[in-house]
Amino acid sequence: MDENATVKPHSAPVHLIIGATGGVGSDLARRLHQTGAKLILAGRDEAVLAAMAQELEGDYVLCDATSMSQMRDCIESALVIHGRLDGVANCVGSVLLKPAHLTTEEEWNNVIATNLTSAFATVKHAAKAMMGKGGSIVLVSSCAAKVGLTNHEAIAAAKAGVEGLVRSAAATYSRHQIRVNCVAPGLLRTKMTKAITSNETQLQASLDMHPISRVGEASDVSTVMEWLIGQGSSWVTGQSISVDGGIASVRTARVQRPAASAGAH
């Protein structure tokens, strides 16, 4: 981004996508571009960000979402470019599937920083930027925050924190017409989950738990995030919307067919 950039006045909504180079973030950015929104793309991979910004006629900002100061600078940059900020979506996240007793301190700290600290930093600085005009903040939780899943202790703790943050921030900033919501996905097929989705045993175990027995796609989640960040959801705040194939709320009876006996004809 050009440090000497001047404000670009226009009537289109201005949306900041944090983690724009990931599966969900990039899909969301392309959807919002199609609506005519002005985009600021944030992330750590400058080459990918620059290419996306050119494709989507937007701007980009290098940012480590786990850093409070970098998040502050990122959101201030968006205000410098466009003079306002209507929506912010934080699509940053990580996956760690380990029981608590095998999770190292470094792994724990990384999960909390990536998933919870980045979410808090988003709310902290985006809410300040939106005061006076209102806006929408959208975060990402997980089905693991809603239902107990084996080996999800660290990510479940972090995402449960995100959901608590959403409800409290929605109450705090409602008088400023700032809405705060999140989506809670199940297993998605993205680069981040490739180790799971490319392992036939792990993939089948996951499919068996999802009532709608398929892996989610980035578009399943980005569609809901697009709605939450826009005016179509203007009376929705403090919500965690499950986009998870039913895993957190639905239980189905799976009928096991008995094996044929040796004398059966």
Protein backbone atom coordinates (compact mmCIF):
# COMPACT_ATOMS: atom_id res chain seq x y z
CA MET A 1 0.00 0.00 0.00
CA ASP A 2 1.19 3.51 -0.83
CA GLU A 3 1.86 5.40 2.40
CA ASN A 4 0.91 8.63 0.64
CA ALA A 5 -2.44 7.28 -0.51
CA THR A 6 -5.30 9.76 -0.40
CA VAL A 7 -8.91 9.14 0.54
CA LYS A 8 -11.00 7.65 -2.29
CA PRO A 9 -14.53 9.07 -1.89
CA HIS A 10 -17.38 6.81 -3.11
CA SER A 11 -20.73 5.46 -1.98
CA ALA A 12 -19.93 1.73 -2.14
CA PRO A 13 -19.50 -0.11 1.18
CA VAL A 14 -15.92 -0.57 2.38
CA HIS A 15 -14.97 -3.98 3.75
CA LEU A 16 -11.70 -5.17 5.28
CA ILE A 17 -10.95 -8.90 4.95
CA ILE A 18 -8.31 -10.15 7.39
CA GLY A 19 -6.77 -13.44 6.32
CA ALA A 20 -7.81 -12.67 2.75
CA THR A 21 -5.44 -15.20 1.16
CA GLY A 22 -6.97 -18.24 2.88
CA GLY A 23 -9.71 -20.43 1.47
CA VAL A 24 -12.66 -18.71 3.17
CA GLY A 25 -11.12 -15.23 3.07
CA SER A 26 -10.37 -15.31 -0.66
CA ASP A 27 -13.81 -16.68 -1.51
CA LEU A 28 -15.47 -14.01 0.64
CA ALA A 29 -13.41 -11.27 -1.00
CA ARG A 30 -14.49 -12.38 -4.48
CA ARG A 31 -18.14 -12.52 -3.43
CA LEU A 32 -18.01 -9.03 -1.95
CA HIS A 33 -16.25 -7.71 -5.04
CA GLN A 34 -19.15 -8.95 -7.15
CA THR A 35 -21.54 -6.84 -5.03
CA GLY A 36 -19.58 -3.69 -5.86
CA ALA A 37 -17.96 -3.29 -2.43
CA LYS A 38 -14.56 -1.65 -2.05
CA LEU A 39 -12.07 -4.05 -0.49
CA ILE A 40 -8.96 -3.85 1.64
CA LEU A 41 -7.24 -7.24 1.80
CA ALA A 42 -5.03 -8.02 4.80
CA GLY A 43 -2.61 -10.87 5.41
CA ARG A 44 1.05 -11.86 5.54
CA ASP A 45 1.75 -13.03 1.98
CA GLU A 46 2.43 -9.86 0.01
CA ALA A 47 2.74 -11.54 -3.38
CA VAL A 48 -0.66 -13.21 -3.10
CA LEU A 49 -2.27 -10.10 -1.61
CA ALA A 50 -0.95 -7.90 -4.42
CA ALA A 51 -2.27 -10.26 -7.08
CA MET A 52 -5.68 -10.46 -5.41
CA ALA A 53 -5.87 -6.70 -4.96
CA GLN A 54 -5.22 -6.23 -8.67
CA GLU A 55 -7.80 -8.87 -9.61
CA LEU A 56 -10.46 -7.41 -7.29
CA GLU A 57 -9.64 -3.74 -7.88
CA GLY A 58 -8.92 -3.27 -4.19
CA ASP A 59 -6.09 -2.37 -1.84
CA TYR A 60 -4.01 -4.52 0.45
CA VAL A 61 -2.22 -4.18 3.78
CA LEU A 62 0.45 -6.47 5.22
CA CYS A 63 -0.63 -7.50 8.70
CA ASP A 64 0.02 -10.15 11.34
CA ALA A 65 -3.42 -10.48 12.92
CA THR A 66 -1.98 -11.78 16.19
CA SER A 67 -0.29 -8.40 16.80
CA MET A 68 -2.45 -5.73 18.46
CA SER A 69 -0.32 -2.92 17.05
CA GLN A 70 -0.31 -4.31 13.50
CA MET A 71 -4.08 -4.74 13.64
CA ARG A 72 -4.42 -1.14 14.78
CA ASP A 73 -2.24 0.03 11.88
CA CYS A 74 -4.13 -2.19 9.43
CA ILE A 75 -7.51 -0.70 10.33
CA GLU A 76 -6.13 2.82 10.41
CA SER A 77 -4.78 2.22 6.89
CA ALA A 78 -8.27 1.28 5.73
CA LEU A 79 -9.57 4.58 7.08
CA VAL A 80 -6.78 6.49 5.38
CA ILE A 81 -7.62 4.91 2.02
CA HIS A 82 -11.41 5.19 2.09
CA GLY A 83 -12.32 7.50 4.97
CA ARG A 84 -14.64 4.93 6.54
CA LEU A 85 -15.05 1.24 7.30
CA ASP A 86 -18.42 -0.52 6.98
CA GLY A 87 -17.47 -4.13 7.59
CA VAL A 88 -14.58 -6.23 8.87
CA ALA A 89 -14.29 -10.00 8.55
CA ASN A 90 -11.55 -11.91 10.35
CA CYS A 91 -10.97 -15.20 8.51
CA VAL A 92 -7.71 -16.05 10.31
CA GLY A 93 -7.56 -19.45 12.00
CA SER A 94 -5.65 -22.65 12.65
CA VAL A 95 -6.26 -26.32 13.35
CA LEU A 96 -4.66 -28.38 16.11
CA LEU A 97 -5.95 -31.89 16.80
CA LYS A 98 -4.24 -33.07 19.98
CA PRO A 99 -5.35 -34.10 23.46
CA ALA A 100 -4.50 -31.58 26.17
CA HIS A 101 -1.75 -33.71 27.74
CA LEU A 102 0.16 -33.84 24.44
CA THR A 103 -0.26 -30.16 23.56
CA THR A 104 2.91 -28.17 24.13
CA GLU A 105 2.96 -24.69 25.61
CA GLU A 106 4.13 -23.30 22.27
CA GLU A 107 1.23 -24.99 20.44
CA TRP A 108 -1.26 -23.69 22.99
CA ASN A 109 0.06 -20.14 22.75
CA ASN A 110 -0.07 -20.28 18.96
CA VAL A 111 -3.67 -21.52 18.92
CA ILE A 112 -4.77 -18.80 21.32
CA ALA A 113 -2.90 -16.06 19.46
CA THR A 114 -4.11 -17.10 16.01
CA ASN A 115 -7.74 -17.71 16.89
CA LEU A 116 -8.61 -15.65 19.97
CA THR A 117 -6.09 -12.80 20.16
CA SER A 118 -6.63 -11.97 16.49
CA ALA A 119 -10.39 -11.93 17.04
CA PHE A 120 -10.08 -9.66 20.07
CA ALA A 121 -7.72 -7.32 18.21
CA THR A 122 -10.23 -7.14 15.35
CA VAL A 123 -13.05 -6.12 17.67
CA LYS A 124 -10.85 -3.73 19.66
CA HIS A 125 -9.73 -1.68 16.67
CA ALA A 126 -12.64 -2.15 14.25
CA ALA A 127 -15.23 -1.08 16.82
CA LYS A 128 -13.31 2.12 17.49
CA ALA A 129 -13.11 2.85 13.75
CA MET A 130 -16.86 2.26 13.29
CA MET A 131 -18.12 4.43 16.13
CA GLY A 132 -20.34 7.21 14.89
CA LYS A 133 -21.36 5.44 11.67
CA GLY A 134 -21.93 1.82 12.68
CA GLY A 135 -20.81 -1.30 10.90
CA SER A 136 -20.51 -5.08 11.00
CA ILE A 137 -17.78 -7.27 12.47
CA VAL A 138 -17.73 -10.95 11.52
CA LEU A 139 -15.50 -13.54 13.18
CA VAL A 140 -14.99 -17.28 12.78
CA SER A 141 -15.65 -19.79 15.55
CA SER A 142 -15.92 -23.58 15.18
CA CYS A 143 -18.37 -26.40 15.80
CA ALA A 144 -15.81 -27.50 18.42
CA ALA A 145 -16.95 -24.56 20.58
CA LYS A 146 -20.48 -26.02 20.68
CA VAL A 147 -20.01 -29.79 20.97
CA GLY A 148 -17.31 -31.89 22.59
CA LEU A 149 -15.01 -33.41 19.98
CA THR A 150 -12.10 -35.72 20.72
CA ASN A 151 -8.63 -34.08 20.62
CA HIS A 152 -9.98 -30.55 20.13
CA GLU A 153 -9.20 -29.11 23.58
CA ALA A 154 -7.02 -26.17 22.52
CA ILE A 155 -9.03 -25.10 19.49
CA ALA A 156 -12.30 -25.60 21.39
CA ALA A 157 -11.08 -23.34 24.19
CA ALA A 158 -9.97 -20.63 21.76
CA LYS A 159 -13.16 -20.72 19.69
CA ALA A 160 -15.39 -20.78 22.78
CA GLY A 161 -13.56 -17.57 23.71
CA VAL A 162 -14.45 -16.12 20.32
CA GLU A 163 -18.13 -16.87 20.89
CA GLY A 164 -18.06 -15.24 24.33
CA LEU A 165 -16.32 -12.23 22.79
CA VAL A 166 -19.03 -11.97 20.11
CA ARG A 167 -21.88 -11.86 22.63
CA SER A 168 -20.22 -9.37 24.94
CA ALA A 169 -19.00 -7.07 22.16
CA ALA A 170 -22.44 -7.19 20.51
CA ALA A 171 -23.94 -5.89 23.77
CA THR A 172 -21.25 -3.26 24.32
CA TYR A 173 -21.32 -1.74 20.85
CA SER A 174 -25.00 -2.10 19.96
CA ARG A 175 -25.65 1.52 21.01
CA HIS A 176 -23.12 2.54 18.35
CA GLN A 177 -25.01 0.52 15.69
CA ILE A 178 -22.09 -1.91 15.44
CA ARG A 179 -23.08 -5.53 14.96
CA VAL A 180 -20.82 -8.43 15.98
CA ASN A 181 -21.46 -12.01 14.83
CA CYS A 182 -19.56 -15.16 13.93
CA VAL A 183 -19.88 -18.34 11.92
CA ALA A 184 -19.04 -21.75 13.36
CA PRO A 185 -17.95 -24.18 10.62
CA GLY A 186 -17.44 -27.90 10.68
CA LEU A 187 -14.67 -29.51 8.66
CA LEU A 188 -13.92 -27.52 5.50
CA ARG A 189 -11.85 -28.55 2.51
CA THR A 190 -9.13 -25.86 2.50
CA LYS A 191 -5.34 -25.72 2.44
CA MET A 192 -5.38 -25.48 6.24
CA THR A 193 -7.18 -28.82 6.64
CA LYS A 194 -5.36 -30.72 3.87
CA ALA A 195 -3.67 -33.03 6.38
CA ILE A 196 -7.12 -34.20 7.49
CA THR A 197 -9.02 -34.25 4.21
CA SER A 198 -6.22 -36.07 2.39
CA ASN A 199 -6.08 -38.82 5.05
CA GLU A 200 -8.76 -41.35 4.15
CA THR A 201 -9.14 -42.67 7.71
CA GLN A 202 -9.43 -39.23 9.33
CA LEU A 203 -11.71 -37.97 6.57
CA GLN A 204 -14.10 -40.91 6.89
CA ALA A 205 -14.22 -40.51 10.68
CA SER A 206 -15.20 -36.88 10.20
CA LEU A 207 -17.80 -37.67 7.56
CA ASP A 208 -19.37 -40.22 9.89
CA MET A 209 -19.92 -37.48 12.49
CA HIS A 210 -21.54 -35.01 10.09
CA PRO A 211 -25.28 -35.66 9.52
CA ILE A 212 -24.89 -34.13 6.07
CA SER A 213 -22.11 -36.51 5.15
CA ARG A 214 -19.75 -34.37 3.12
CA VAL A 215 -16.85 -32.03 3.74
CA GLY A 216 -17.77 -28.37 3.76
CA GLU A 217 -16.43 -26.00 1.12
CA ALA A 218 -15.11 -22.48 1.65
CA SER A 219 -18.15 -21.17 -0.23
CA ASP A 220 -20.50 -22.72 2.35
CA VAL A 221 -19.04 -20.39 4.98
CA SER A 222 -18.25 -17.34 2.87
CA THR A 223 -21.88 -17.16 1.72
CA VAL A 224 -23.05 -16.74 5.31
CA MET A 225 -20.25 -14.29 6.12
CA GLU A 226 -21.21 -12.19 3.08
CA TRP A 227 -24.75 -11.96 4.47
CA LEU A 228 -23.56 -11.10 7.98
CA ILE A 229 -21.23 -8.32 6.85
CA GLY A 230 -23.90 -6.71 4.67
CA GLN A 231 -27.11 -4.81 5.33
CA GLY A 232 -29.27 -7.87 4.69
CA SER A 233 -28.54 -8.93 8.28
CA SER A 234 -28.99 -5.47 9.82
CA TRP A 235 -31.16 -6.85 12.67
CA VAL A 236 -28.76 -9.67 13.56
CA THR A 237 -26.11 -9.33 16.27
CA GLY A 238 -24.51 -11.43 18.99
CA GLN A 239 -25.03 -14.64 17.01
CA SER A 240 -22.92 -17.68 16.26
CA ILE A 241 -24.32 -19.29 13.13
CA SER A 242 -23.45 -22.95 12.64
CA VAL A 243 -22.36 -23.89 9.13
CA ASP A 244 -21.33 -27.41 9.95
CA GLY A 245 -23.41 -30.06 8.21
CA GLY A 246 -25.41 -30.42 11.43
CA ILE A 247 -22.59 -31.81 13.58
CA ALA A 248 -23.19 -29.48 16.55
CA SER A 249 -26.95 -29.85 16.77
CA VAL A 250 -28.23 -32.91 14.92
CA ARG A 251 -27.94 -36.60 15.76
CA THR A 252 -28.92 -39.23 13.21
CA ALA A 253 -29.45 -42.97 13.58
CA ARG A 254 -27.09 -44.87 11.34
CA VAL A 255 -28.46 -48.32 10.62
CA GLN A 256 -25.85 -51.04 10.54
CA ARG A 257 -26.80 -53.94 8.26
CA PRO A 258 -26.05 -57.34 9.86
CA ALA A 259 -23.39 -59.38 8.12
CA ALA A 260 -24.74 -62.35 6.15
CA SER A 261 -24.32 -65.70 7.94
CA ALA A 262 -22.22 -68.43 6.41
CA GLY A 263 -25.28 -70.50 5.50
CA ALA A 264 -27.30 -67.66 4.03
CA HIS A 265 -28.46 -67.97 0.42
